[in-house]
Amino acid sequence: EETQKEEIKVGWRRANRSIVQFWYDVENTARDTVLDGRTR
């Protein structure tokens, strides 16, 4: 059910915080690199 999907998503992300953080770290690092060309 739709409510189950949201609960599963939230529960999985809660239990895998390092992976969730990795998504945002990769995106932010890629964006900053595109903007200024610096190596990171």
PDB file of all heavy atoms in Angstrom:
ATOM      1  N   GLU A   1       0.844  -1.182   0.000  1.00  0.00           N
ATOM      2  CA  GLU A   1       0.000   0.000   0.000  1.00  0.00           C
ATOM      3  C   GLU A   1       0.892   1.250   0.000  1.00  0.00           C
ATOM      4  O   GLU A   1       2.056   1.191   0.391  1.00  0.00           O
ATOM      5  CB  GLU A   1      -0.902   0.013   1.240  1.00  0.00           C
ATOM      6  CG  GLU A   1      -1.807  -1.193   1.365  1.00  0.00           C
ATOM      7  CD  GLU A   1      -2.828  -1.269   0.235  1.00  0.00           C
ATOM      8  OE1 GLU A   1      -3.205  -0.194  -0.302  1.00  0.00           O
ATOM      9  OE2 GLU A   1      -3.254  -2.389  -0.108  1.00  0.00           O
ATOM     10  N   GLU A   2       0.317   2.374  -0.436  1.00  0.00           N
ATOM     11  CA  GLU A   2       1.105   3.606  -0.509  1.00  0.00           C
ATOM     12  C   GLU A   2       1.664   3.998   0.852  1.00  0.00           C
ATOM     13  O   GLU A   2       2.802   4.466   0.960  1.00  0.00           O
ATOM     14  CB  GLU A   2       0.251   4.748  -1.082  1.00  0.00           C
ATOM     15  CG  GLU A   2      -0.075   4.589  -2.563  1.00  0.00           C
ATOM     16  CD  GLU A   2       1.171   4.441  -3.427  1.00  0.00           C
ATOM     17  OE1 GLU A   2       2.121   5.212  -3.240  1.00  0.00           O
ATOM     18  OE2 GLU A   2       1.183   3.547  -4.300  1.00  0.00           O
ATOM     19  N   THR A   3       0.864   3.822   1.892  1.00  0.00           N
ATOM     20  CA  THR A   3       1.353   4.165   3.230  1.00  0.00           C
ATOM     21  C   THR A   3       2.502   3.249   3.649  1.00  0.00           C
ATOM     22  O   THR A   3       3.453   3.694   4.312  1.00  0.00           O
ATOM     23  CB  THR A   3       0.223   4.076   4.266  1.00  0.00           C
ATOM     24  OG1 THR A   3      -0.373   2.755   4.207  1.00  0.00           O
ATOM     25  CG2 THR A   3      -0.842   5.127   4.011  1.00  0.00           C
ATOM     26  N   GLN A   4       2.438   1.994   3.245  1.00  0.00           N
ATOM     27  CA  GLN A   4       3.524   1.063   3.545  1.00  0.00           C
ATOM     28  C   GLN A   4       4.815   1.478   2.850  1.00  0.00           C
ATOM     29  O   GLN A   4       5.908   1.406   3.436  1.00  0.00           O
ATOM     30  CB  GLN A   4       3.158  -0.361   3.099  1.00  0.00           C
ATOM     31  CG  GLN A   4       2.114  -1.057   3.936  1.00  0.00           C
ATOM     32  CD  GLN A   4       1.854  -2.444   3.394  1.00  0.00           C
ATOM     33  OE1 GLN A   4       1.189  -2.618   2.364  1.00  0.00           O
ATOM     34  NE2 GLN A   4       2.376  -3.448   4.065  1.00  0.00           N
ATOM     35  N   LYS A   5       4.701   1.924   1.610  1.00  0.00           N
ATOM     36  CA  LYS A   5       5.892   2.325   0.859  1.00  0.00           C
ATOM     37  C   LYS A   5       6.621   3.468   1.559  1.00  0.00           C
ATOM     38  O   LYS A   5       7.842   3.474   1.670  1.00  0.00           O
ATOM     39  CB  LYS A   5       5.506   2.735  -0.565  1.00  0.00           C
ATOM     40  CG  LYS A   5       4.963   1.605  -1.407  1.00  0.00           C
ATOM     41  CD  LYS A   5       4.453   2.115  -2.746  1.00  0.00           C
ATOM     42  CE  LYS A   5       3.715   1.035  -3.502  1.00  0.00           C
ATOM     43  NZ  LYS A   5       3.101   1.530  -4.757  1.00  0.00           N
ATOM     44  N   GLU A   6       5.854   4.432   2.027  1.00  0.00           N
ATOM     45  CA  GLU A   6       6.470   5.563   2.730  1.00  0.00           C
ATOM     46  C   GLU A   6       7.113   5.108   4.032  1.00  0.00           C
ATOM     47  O   GLU A   6       8.225   5.536   4.373  1.00  0.00           O
ATOM     48  CB  GLU A   6       5.412   6.646   3.003  1.00  0.00           C
ATOM     49  CG  GLU A   6       5.957   7.893   3.684  1.00  0.00           C
ATOM     50  CD  GLU A   6       6.959   8.654   2.830  1.00  0.00           C
ATOM     51  OE1 GLU A   6       6.992   8.447   1.600  1.00  0.00           O
ATOM     52  OE2 GLU A   6       7.723   9.467   3.409  1.00  0.00           O
ATOM     53  N   GLU A   7       6.434   4.224   4.756  1.00  0.00           N
ATOM     54  CA  GLU A   7       6.994   3.722   6.020  1.00  0.00           C
ATOM     55  C   GLU A   7       8.278   2.927   5.771  1.00  0.00           C
ATOM     56  O   GLU A   7       9.240   3.034   6.540  1.00  0.00           O
ATOM     57  CB  GLU A   7       5.958   2.844   6.724  1.00  0.00           C
ATOM     58  CG  GLU A   7       4.760   3.616   7.261  1.00  0.00           C
ATOM     59  CD  GLU A   7       3.632   2.703   7.707  1.00  0.00           C
ATOM     60  OE1 GLU A   7       3.785   1.460   7.556  1.00  0.00           O
ATOM     61  OE2 GLU A   7       2.606   3.215   8.181  1.00  0.00           O
ATOM     62  N   ILE A   8       8.289   2.125   4.711  1.00  0.00           N
ATOM     63  CA  ILE A   8       9.471   1.328   4.381  1.00  0.00           C
ATOM     64  C   ILE A   8      10.635   2.248   3.998  1.00  0.00           C
ATOM     65  O   ILE A   8      11.770   2.064   4.448  1.00  0.00           O
ATOM     66  CB  ILE A   8       9.163   0.345   3.239  1.00  0.00           C
ATOM     67  CG1 ILE A   8       8.189  -0.732   3.731  1.00  0.00           C
ATOM     68  CG2 ILE A   8      10.438  -0.303   2.704  1.00  0.00           C
ATOM     69  CD1 ILE A   8       7.570  -1.557   2.619  1.00  0.00           C
ATOM     70  N   LYS A   9      10.340   3.236   3.161  1.00  0.00           N
ATOM     71  CA  LYS A   9      11.389   4.187   2.748  1.00  0.00           C
ATOM     72  C   LYS A   9      11.979   4.909   3.950  1.00  0.00           C
ATOM     73  O   LYS A   9      13.206   4.981   4.113  1.00  0.00           O
ATOM     74  CB  LYS A   9      10.819   5.202   1.760  1.00  0.00           C
ATOM     75  CG  LYS A   9      11.856   6.181   1.217  1.00  0.00           C
ATOM     76  CD  LYS A   9      11.218   7.342   0.490  1.00  0.00           C
ATOM     77  CE  LYS A   9      10.683   8.374   1.464  1.00  0.00           C
ATOM     78  NZ  LYS A   9      10.217   9.613   0.785  1.00  0.00           N
ATOM     79  N   VAL A  10      11.117   5.433   4.795  1.00  0.00           N
ATOM     80  CA  VAL A  10      11.585   6.172   5.974  1.00  0.00           C
ATOM     81  C   VAL A  10      12.367   5.252   6.904  1.00  0.00           C
ATOM     82  O   VAL A  10      13.431   5.616   7.418  1.00  0.00           O
ATOM     83  CB  VAL A  10      10.390   6.812   6.708  1.00  0.00           C
ATOM     84  CG1 VAL A  10      10.829   7.376   8.057  1.00  0.00           C
ATOM     85  CG2 VAL A  10       9.778   7.920   5.849  1.00  0.00           C
ATOM     86  N   GLY A  11      11.856   4.040   7.106  1.00  0.00           N
ATOM     87  CA  GLY A  11      12.536   3.099   7.995  1.00  0.00           C
ATOM     88  C   GLY A  11      13.894   2.690   7.460  1.00  0.00           C
ATOM     89  O   GLY A  11      14.873   2.603   8.218  1.00  0.00           O
ATOM     90  N   TRP A  12      13.976   2.434   6.145  1.00  0.00           N
ATOM     91  CA  TRP A  12      15.262   2.041   5.558  1.00  0.00           C
ATOM     92  C   TRP A  12      16.269   3.182   5.639  1.00  0.00           C
ATOM     93  O   TRP A  12      17.426   2.976   5.987  1.00  0.00           O
ATOM     94  CB  TRP A  12      15.065   1.614   4.103  1.00  0.00           C
ATOM     95  CG  TRP A  12      16.326   1.074   3.506  1.00  0.00           C
ATOM     96  CD1 TRP A  12      16.765  -0.217   3.522  1.00  0.00           C
ATOM     97  CD2 TRP A  12      17.344   1.824   2.821  1.00  0.00           C
ATOM     98  NE1 TRP A  12      17.991  -0.323   2.901  1.00  0.00           N
ATOM     99  CE2 TRP A  12      18.362   0.910   2.464  1.00  0.00           C
ATOM    100  CE3 TRP A  12      17.487   3.169   2.494  1.00  0.00           C
ATOM    101  CZ2 TRP A  12      19.512   1.311   1.772  1.00  0.00           C
ATOM    102  CZ3 TRP A  12      18.623   3.570   1.811  1.00  0.00           C
ATOM    103  CH2 TRP A  12      19.616   2.650   1.461  1.00  0.00           C
ATOM    104  N   ARG A  13      15.835   4.380   5.340  1.00  0.00           N
ATOM    105  CA  ARG A  13      16.752   5.527   5.389  1.00  0.00           C
ATOM    106  C   ARG A  13      17.201   5.816   6.814  1.00  0.00           C
ATOM    107  O   ARG A  13      18.360   6.198   7.046  1.00  0.00           O
ATOM    108  CB  ARG A  13      16.094   6.762   4.766  1.00  0.00           C
ATOM    109  CG  ARG A  13      15.893   6.627   3.261  1.00  0.00           C
ATOM    110  CD  ARG A  13      15.387   7.926   2.638  1.00  0.00           C
ATOM    111  NE  ARG A  13      15.253   7.782   1.190  1.00  0.00           N
ATOM    112  CZ  ARG A  13      14.941   8.776   0.360  1.00  0.00           C
ATOM    113  NH1 ARG A  13      14.734   9.996   0.845  1.00  0.00           N
ATOM    114  NH2 ARG A  13      14.833   8.546  -0.938  1.00  0.00           N
ATOM    115  N   ARG A  14      16.313   5.622   7.768  1.00  0.00           N
ATOM    116  CA  ARG A  14      16.678   5.822   9.170  1.00  0.00           C
ATOM    117  C   ARG A  14      17.774   4.846   9.593  1.00  0.00           C
ATOM    118  O   ARG A  14      18.680   5.188  10.354  1.00  0.00           O
ATOM    119  CB  ARG A  14      15.441   5.631  10.044  1.00  0.00           C
ATOM    120  CG  ARG A  14      15.695   5.847  11.540  1.00  0.00           C
ATOM    121  CD  ARG A  14      14.444   5.539  12.345  1.00  0.00           C
ATOM    122  NE  ARG A  14      14.024   4.157  12.168  1.00  0.00           N
ATOM    123  CZ  ARG A  14      12.855   3.785  11.665  1.00  0.00           C
ATOM    124  NH1 ARG A  14      11.975   4.692  11.300  1.00  0.00           N
ATOM    125  NH2 ARG A  14      12.547   2.504  11.522  1.00  0.00           N
ATOM    126  N   ALA A  15      17.704   3.615   9.080  1.00  0.00           N
ATOM    127  CA  ALA A  15      18.666   2.584   9.454  1.00  0.00           C
ATOM    128  C   ALA A  15      19.943   2.625   8.609  1.00  0.00           C
ATOM    129  O   ALA A  15      20.891   1.903   8.913  1.00  0.00           O
ATOM    130  CB  ALA A  15      18.012   1.207   9.334  1.00  0.00           C
ATOM    131  N   ASN A  16      19.967   3.469   7.569  1.00  0.00           N
ATOM    132  CA  ASN A  16      21.127   3.533   6.674  1.00  0.00           C
ATOM    133  C   ASN A  16      21.547   4.982   6.473  1.00  0.00           C
ATOM    134  O   ASN A  16      21.680   5.469   5.346  1.00  0.00           O
ATOM    135  CB  ASN A  16      20.798   2.877   5.332  1.00  0.00           C
ATOM    136  CG  ASN A  16      20.587   1.382   5.447  1.00  0.00           C
ATOM    137  OD1 ASN A  16      21.515   0.598   5.354  1.00  0.00           O
ATOM    138  ND2 ASN A  16      19.334   0.987   5.647  1.00  0.00           N
ATOM    139  N   ARG A  17      21.801   5.643   7.569  1.00  0.00           N
ATOM    140  CA  ARG A  17      22.079   7.083   7.525  1.00  0.00           C
ATOM    141  C   ARG A  17      23.357   7.407   6.759  1.00  0.00           C
ATOM    142  O   ARG A  17      23.459   8.458   6.124  1.00  0.00           O
ATOM    143  CB  ARG A  17      22.138   7.649   8.941  1.00  0.00           C
ATOM    144  CG  ARG A  17      20.821   7.535   9.702  1.00  0.00           C
ATOM    145  CD  ARG A  17      20.895   8.177  11.079  1.00  0.00           C
ATOM    146  NE  ARG A  17      19.708   7.896  11.875  1.00  0.00           N
ATOM    147  CZ  ARG A  17      18.567   8.583  11.806  1.00  0.00           C
ATOM    148  NH1 ARG A  17      18.469   9.591  10.957  1.00  0.00           N
ATOM    149  NH2 ARG A  17      17.545   8.265  12.569  1.00  0.00           N
ATOM    150  N   SER A  18      24.345   6.541   6.832  1.00  0.00           N
ATOM    151  CA  SER A  18      25.602   6.819   6.127  1.00  0.00           C
ATOM    152  C   SER A  18      25.404   6.792   4.615  1.00  0.00           C
ATOM    153  O   SER A  18      25.991   7.605   3.886  1.00  0.00           O
ATOM    154  CB  SER A  18      26.678   5.813   6.532  1.00  0.00           C
ATOM    155  OG  SER A  18      27.029   5.962   7.888  1.00  0.00           O
ATOM    156  N   ILE A  19      24.582   5.866   4.132  1.00  0.00           N
ATOM    157  CA  ILE A  19      24.288   5.820   2.697  1.00  0.00           C
ATOM    158  C   ILE A  19      23.510   7.059   2.281  1.00  0.00           C
ATOM    159  O   ILE A  19      23.800   7.677   1.242  1.00  0.00           O
ATOM    160  CB  ILE A  19      23.524   4.536   2.337  1.00  0.00           C
ATOM    161  CG1 ILE A  19      24.451   3.320   2.488  1.00  0.00           C
ATOM    162  CG2 ILE A  19      22.960   4.610   0.921  1.00  0.00           C
ATOM    163  CD1 ILE A  19      23.774   1.987   2.259  1.00  0.00           C
ATOM    164  N   VAL A  20      22.522   7.435   3.078  1.00  0.00           N
ATOM    165  CA  VAL A  20      21.740   8.634   2.774  1.00  0.00           C
ATOM    166  C   VAL A  20      22.656   9.857   2.715  1.00  0.00           C
ATOM    167  O   VAL A  20      22.577  10.670   1.780  1.00  0.00           O
ATOM    168  CB  VAL A  20      20.625   8.832   3.821  1.00  0.00           C
ATOM    169  CG1 VAL A  20      19.924  10.175   3.609  1.00  0.00           C
ATOM    170  CG2 VAL A  20      19.612   7.697   3.740  1.00  0.00           C
ATOM    171  N   GLN A  21      23.541   9.986   3.690  1.00  0.00           N
ATOM    172  CA  GLN A  21      24.471  11.113   3.708  1.00  0.00           C
ATOM    173  C   GLN A  21      25.392  11.084   2.492  1.00  0.00           C
ATOM    174  O   GLN A  21      25.747  12.130   1.928  1.00  0.00           O
ATOM    175  CB  GLN A  21      25.290  11.098   4.993  1.00  0.00           C
ATOM    176  CG  GLN A  21      26.174  12.335   5.180  1.00  0.00           C
ATOM    177  CD  GLN A  21      25.359  13.612   5.258  1.00  0.00           C
ATOM    178  OE1 GLN A  21      24.377  13.703   6.011  1.00  0.00           O
ATOM    179  NE2 GLN A  21      25.738  14.611   4.462  1.00  0.00           N
ATOM    180  N   PHE A  22      25.769   9.884   2.075  1.00  0.00           N
ATOM    181  CA  PHE A  22      26.651   9.726   0.920  1.00  0.00           C
ATOM    182  C   PHE A  22      26.012  10.297  -0.343  1.00  0.00           C
ATOM    183  O   PHE A  22      26.695  10.912  -1.166  1.00  0.00           O
ATOM    184  CB  PHE A  22      26.980   8.245   0.744  1.00  0.00           C
ATOM    185  CG  PHE A  22      28.028   7.947  -0.290  1.00  0.00           C
ATOM    186  CD1 PHE A  22      29.259   8.578  -0.270  1.00  0.00           C
ATOM    187  CD2 PHE A  22      27.787   7.008  -1.287  1.00  0.00           C
ATOM    188  CE1 PHE A  22      30.230   8.291  -1.226  1.00  0.00           C
ATOM    189  CE2 PHE A  22      28.742   6.705  -2.244  1.00  0.00           C
ATOM    190  CZ  PHE A  22      29.965   7.359  -2.208  1.00  0.00           C
ATOM    191  N   TRP A  23      24.694  10.092  -0.513  1.00  0.00           N
ATOM    192  CA  TRP A  23      24.013  10.671  -1.686  1.00  0.00           C
ATOM    193  C   TRP A  23      24.247  12.181  -1.754  1.00  0.00           C
ATOM    194  O   TRP A  23      24.605  12.714  -2.795  1.00  0.00           O
ATOM    195  CB  TRP A  23      22.500  10.446  -1.619  1.00  0.00           C
ATOM    196  CG  TRP A  23      22.043   9.036  -1.545  1.00  0.00           C
ATOM    197  CD1 TRP A  23      22.678   7.922  -1.999  1.00  0.00           C
ATOM    198  CD2 TRP A  23      20.799   8.596  -0.980  1.00  0.00           C
ATOM    199  NE1 TRP A  23      21.911   6.812  -1.755  1.00  0.00           N
ATOM    200  CE2 TRP A  23      20.759   7.186  -1.132  1.00  0.00           C
ATOM    201  CE3 TRP A  23      19.721   9.241  -0.382  1.00  0.00           C
ATOM    202  CZ2 TRP A  23      19.667   6.438  -0.691  1.00  0.00           C
ATOM    203  CZ3 TRP A  23      18.640   8.488   0.066  1.00  0.00           C
ATOM    204  CH2 TRP A  23      18.624   7.102  -0.093  1.00  0.00           C
ATOM    205  N   TYR A  24      24.018  12.841  -0.605  1.00  0.00           N
ATOM    206  CA  TYR A  24      24.093  14.303  -0.584  1.00  0.00           C
ATOM    207  C   TYR A  24      25.542  14.786  -0.662  1.00  0.00           C
ATOM    208  O   TYR A  24      25.819  15.815  -1.297  1.00  0.00           O
ATOM    209  CB  TYR A  24      23.385  14.833   0.656  1.00  0.00           C
ATOM    210  CG  TYR A  24      21.920  14.443   0.680  1.00  0.00           C
ATOM    211  CD1 TYR A  24      21.409  13.598   1.654  1.00  0.00           C
ATOM    212  CD2 TYR A  24      21.047  14.899  -0.317  1.00  0.00           C
ATOM    213  CE1 TYR A  24      20.071  13.212   1.638  1.00  0.00           C
ATOM    214  CE2 TYR A  24      19.715  14.526  -0.335  1.00  0.00           C
ATOM    215  CZ  TYR A  24      19.233  13.680   0.652  1.00  0.00           C
ATOM    216  OH  TYR A  24      17.917  13.303   0.626  1.00  0.00           O
ATOM    217  N   ASP A  25      26.448  14.046  -0.050  1.00  0.00           N
ATOM    218  CA  ASP A  25      27.860  14.427  -0.125  1.00  0.00           C
ATOM    219  C   ASP A  25      28.371  14.337  -1.565  1.00  0.00           C
ATOM    220  O   ASP A  25      29.108  15.223  -2.030  1.00  0.00           O
ATOM    221  CB  ASP A  25      28.708  13.532   0.776  1.00  0.00           C
ATOM    222  CG  ASP A  25      28.486  13.804   2.252  1.00  0.00           C
ATOM    223  OD1 ASP A  25      27.920  14.872   2.581  1.00  0.00           O
ATOM    224  OD2 ASP A  25      28.862  12.948   3.080  1.00  0.00           O
ATOM    225  N   VAL A  26      28.000  13.265  -2.270  1.00  0.00           N
ATOM    226  CA  VAL A  26      28.421  13.110  -3.665  1.00  0.00           C
ATOM    227  C   VAL A  26      27.818  14.218  -4.526  1.00  0.00           C
ATOM    228  O   VAL A  26      28.515  14.834  -5.349  1.00  0.00           O
ATOM    229  CB  VAL A  26      28.021  11.715  -4.207  1.00  0.00           C
ATOM    230  CG1 VAL A  26      28.155  11.668  -5.730  1.00  0.00           C
ATOM    231  CG2 VAL A  26      28.901  10.639  -3.575  1.00  0.00           C
ATOM    232  N   GLU A  27      26.547  14.493  -4.349  1.00  0.00           N
ATOM    233  CA  GLU A  27      25.905  15.543  -5.151  1.00  0.00           C
ATOM    234  C   GLU A  27      26.541  16.902  -4.898  1.00  0.00           C
ATOM    235  O   GLU A  27      26.859  17.646  -5.845  1.00  0.00           O
ATOM    236  CB  GLU A  27      24.411  15.607  -4.849  1.00  0.00           C
ATOM    237  CG  GLU A  27      23.697  16.685  -5.654  1.00  0.00           C
ATOM    238  CD  GLU A  27      22.177  16.642  -5.524  1.00  0.00           C
ATOM    239  OE1 GLU A  27      21.632  15.574  -5.194  1.00  0.00           O
ATOM    240  OE2 GLU A  27      21.544  17.688  -5.772  1.00  0.00           O
ATOM    241  N   ASN A  28      26.749  17.247  -3.639  1.00  0.00           N
ATOM    242  CA  ASN A  28      27.319  18.553  -3.304  1.00  0.00           C
ATOM    243  C   ASN A  28      28.752  18.677  -3.806  1.00  0.00           C
ATOM    244  O   ASN A  28      29.159  19.738  -4.305  1.00  0.00           O
ATOM    245  CB  ASN A  28      27.264  18.785  -1.796  1.00  0.00           C
ATOM    246  CG  ASN A  28      25.842  18.983  -1.287  1.00  0.00           C
ATOM    247  OD1 ASN A  28      24.961  19.419  -2.044  1.00  0.00           O
ATOM    248  ND2 ASN A  28      25.606  18.663  -0.031  1.00  0.00           N
ATOM    249  N   THR A  29      29.517  17.591  -3.683  1.00  0.00           N
ATOM    250  CA  THR A  29      30.901  17.624  -4.147  1.00  0.00           C
ATOM    251  C   THR A  29      30.964  17.761  -5.660  1.00  0.00           C
ATOM    252  O   THR A  29      31.774  18.524  -6.199  1.00  0.00           O
ATOM    253  CB  THR A  29      31.652  16.350  -3.701  1.00  0.00           C
ATOM    254  OG1 THR A  29      31.556  16.217  -2.279  1.00  0.00           O
ATOM    255  CG2 THR A  29      33.118  16.420  -4.093  1.00  0.00           C
ATOM    256  N   ALA A  30      30.103  17.038  -6.352  1.00  0.00           N
ATOM    257  CA  ALA A  30      30.053  17.142  -7.810  1.00  0.00           C
ATOM    258  C   ALA A  30      29.652  18.549  -8.236  1.00  0.00           C
ATOM    259  O   ALA A  30      30.259  19.144  -9.134  1.00  0.00           O
ATOM    260  CB  ALA A  30      29.089  16.109  -8.374  1.00  0.00           C
ATOM    261  N   ARG A  31      28.650  19.102  -7.604  1.00  0.00           N
ATOM    262  CA  ARG A  31      28.179  20.440  -7.962  1.00  0.00           C
ATOM    263  C   ARG A  31      29.273  21.483  -7.741  1.00  0.00           C
ATOM    264  O   ARG A  31      29.539  22.316  -8.621  1.00  0.00           O
ATOM    265  CB  ARG A  31      26.938  20.800  -7.142  1.00  0.00           C
ATOM    266  CG  ARG A  31      26.368  22.173  -7.486  1.00  0.00           C
ATOM    267  CD  ARG A  31      25.189  22.545  -6.604  1.00  0.00           C
ATOM    268  NE  ARG A  31      24.053  21.665  -6.824  1.00  0.00           N
ATOM    269  CZ  ARG A  31      23.633  20.750  -5.958  1.00  0.00           C
ATOM    270  NH1 ARG A  31      24.272  20.583  -4.790  1.00  0.00           N
ATOM    271  NH2 ARG A  31      22.593  19.994  -6.229  1.00  0.00           N
ATOM    272  N   ASP A  32      29.905  21.433  -6.575  1.00  0.00           N
ATOM    273  CA  ASP A  32      30.959  22.407  -6.282  1.00  0.00           C
ATOM    274  C   ASP A  32      32.108  22.290  -7.278  1.00  0.00           C
ATOM    275  O   ASP A  32      32.691  23.308  -7.696  1.00  0.00           O
ATOM    276  CB  ASP A  32      31.480  22.202  -4.859  1.00  0.00           C
ATOM    277  CG  ASP A  32      30.457  22.579  -3.795  1.00  0.00           C
ATOM    278  OD1 ASP A  32      29.472  23.266  -4.136  1.00  0.00           O
ATOM    279  OD2 ASP A  32      30.634  22.170  -2.632  1.00  0.00           O
ATOM    280  N   THR A  33      32.427  21.069  -7.675  1.00  0.00           N
ATOM    281  CA  THR A  33      33.527  20.860  -8.619  1.00  0.00           C
ATOM    282  C   THR A  33      33.187  21.409  -9.997  1.00  0.00           C
ATOM    283  O   THR A  33      34.029  22.013 -10.668  1.00  0.00           O
ATOM    284  CB  THR A  33      33.867  19.364  -8.709  1.00  0.00           C
ATOM    285  OG1 THR A  33      34.220  18.885  -7.409  1.00  0.00           O
ATOM    286  CG2 THR A  33      35.033  19.117  -9.651  1.00  0.00           C
ATOM    287  N   VAL A  34      31.946  21.215 -10.428  1.00  0.00           N
ATOM    288  CA  VAL A  34      31.517  21.766 -11.715  1.00  0.00           C
ATOM    289  C   VAL A  34      31.581  23.292 -11.681  1.00  0.00           C
ATOM    290  O   VAL A  34      31.998  23.941 -12.656  1.00  0.00           O
ATOM    291  CB  VAL A  34      30.096  21.290 -12.067  1.00  0.00           C
ATOM    292  CG1 VAL A  34      29.564  22.038 -13.289  1.00  0.00           C
ATOM    293  CG2 VAL A  34      30.085  19.792 -12.322  1.00  0.00           C
ATOM    294  N   LEU A  35      31.204  23.879 -10.568  1.00  0.00           N
ATOM    295  CA  LEU A  35      31.141  25.335 -10.477  1.00  0.00           C
ATOM    296  C   LEU A  35      32.509  25.992 -10.463  1.00  0.00           C
ATOM    297  O   LEU A  35      32.706  27.039 -11.086  1.00  0.00           O
ATOM    298  CB  LEU A  35      30.357  25.736  -9.217  1.00  0.00           C
ATOM    299  CG  LEU A  35      28.844  25.497  -9.276  1.00  0.00           C
ATOM    300  CD1 LEU A  35      28.209  25.745  -7.914  1.00  0.00           C
ATOM    301  CD2 LEU A  35      28.196  26.402 -10.333  1.00  0.00           C
ATOM    302  N   ASP A  36      33.480  25.385  -9.757  1.00  0.00           N
ATOM    303  CA  ASP A  36      34.780  26.080  -9.648  1.00  0.00           C
ATOM    304  C   ASP A  36      35.956  25.318 -10.253  1.00  0.00           C
ATOM    305  O   ASP A  36      37.073  25.847 -10.317  1.00  0.00           O
ATOM    306  CB  ASP A  36      35.084  26.447  -8.196  1.00  0.00           C
ATOM    307  CG  ASP A  36      35.260  25.242  -7.268  1.00  0.00           C
ATOM    308  OD1 ASP A  36      35.490  24.126  -7.760  1.00  0.00           O
ATOM    309  OD2 ASP A  36      35.168  25.431  -6.043  1.00  0.00           O
ATOM    310  N   GLY A  37      35.741  24.066 -10.671  1.00  0.00           N
ATOM    311  CA  GLY A  37      36.798  23.313 -11.336  1.00  0.00           C
ATOM    312  C   GLY A  37      37.889  22.799 -10.420  1.00  0.00           C
ATOM    313  O   GLY A  37      38.861  22.204 -10.894  1.00  0.00           O
ATOM    314  N   ARG A  38      37.760  23.000  -9.122  1.00  0.00           N
ATOM    315  CA  ARG A  38      38.787  22.553  -8.181  1.00  0.00           C
ATOM    316  C   ARG A  38      38.675  21.057  -7.922  1.00  0.00           C
ATOM    317  O   ARG A  38      37.583  20.480  -7.968  1.00  0.00           O
ATOM    318  CB  ARG A  38      38.661  23.314  -6.859  1.00  0.00           C
ATOM    319  CG  ARG A  38      38.981  24.800  -6.958  1.00  0.00           C
ATOM    320  CD  ARG A  38      38.652  25.506  -5.663  1.00  0.00           C
ATOM    321  NE  ARG A  38      39.294  24.859  -4.515  1.00  0.00           N
ATOM    322  CZ  ARG A  38      38.960  25.102  -3.245  1.00  0.00           C
ATOM    323  NH1 ARG A  38      37.968  25.941  -2.973  1.00  0.00           N
ATOM    324  NH2 ARG A  38      39.592  24.489  -2.280  1.00  0.00           N
ATOM    325  N   THR A  39      39.819  20.431  -7.621  1.00  0.00           N
ATOM    326  CA  THR A  39      39.846  19.007  -7.294  1.00  0.00           C
ATOM    327  C   THR A  39      39.451  18.804  -5.838  1.00  0.00           C
ATOM    328  O   THR A  39      39.904  19.540  -4.955  1.00  0.00           O
ATOM    329  CB  THR A  39      41.255  18.430  -7.542  1.00  0.00           C
ATOM    330  OG1 THR A  39      41.572  18.584  -8.922  1.00  0.00           O
ATOM    331  CG2 THR A  39      41.322  16.958  -7.167  1.00  0.00           C
ATOM    332  N   ARG A  40      38.610  17.811  -5.612  1.00  0.00           N
ATOM    333  CA  ARG A  40      38.146  17.512  -4.261  1.00  0.00           C
ATOM    334  C   ARG A  40      38.189  16.011  -4.022  1.00  0.00           C
ATOM    335  O   ARG A  40      38.023  15.223  -4.949  1.00  0.00           O
ATOM    336  CB  ARG A  40      36.702  18.005  -4.059  1.00  0.00           C
ATOM    337  CG  ARG A  40      36.557  19.505  -4.061  1.00  0.00           C
ATOM    338  CD  ARG A  40      35.072  19.907  -4.012  1.00  0.00           C
ATOM    339  NE  ARG A  40      34.940  21.329  -3.750  1.00  0.00           N
ATOM    340  CZ  ARG A  40      35.055  22.275  -4.681  1.00  0.00           C
ATOM    341  NH1 ARG A  40      35.276  21.928  -5.936  1.00  0.00           N
ATOM    342  NH2 ARG A  40      34.912  23.547  -4.351  1.00  0.00           N
TER     343      ARG A  40
END
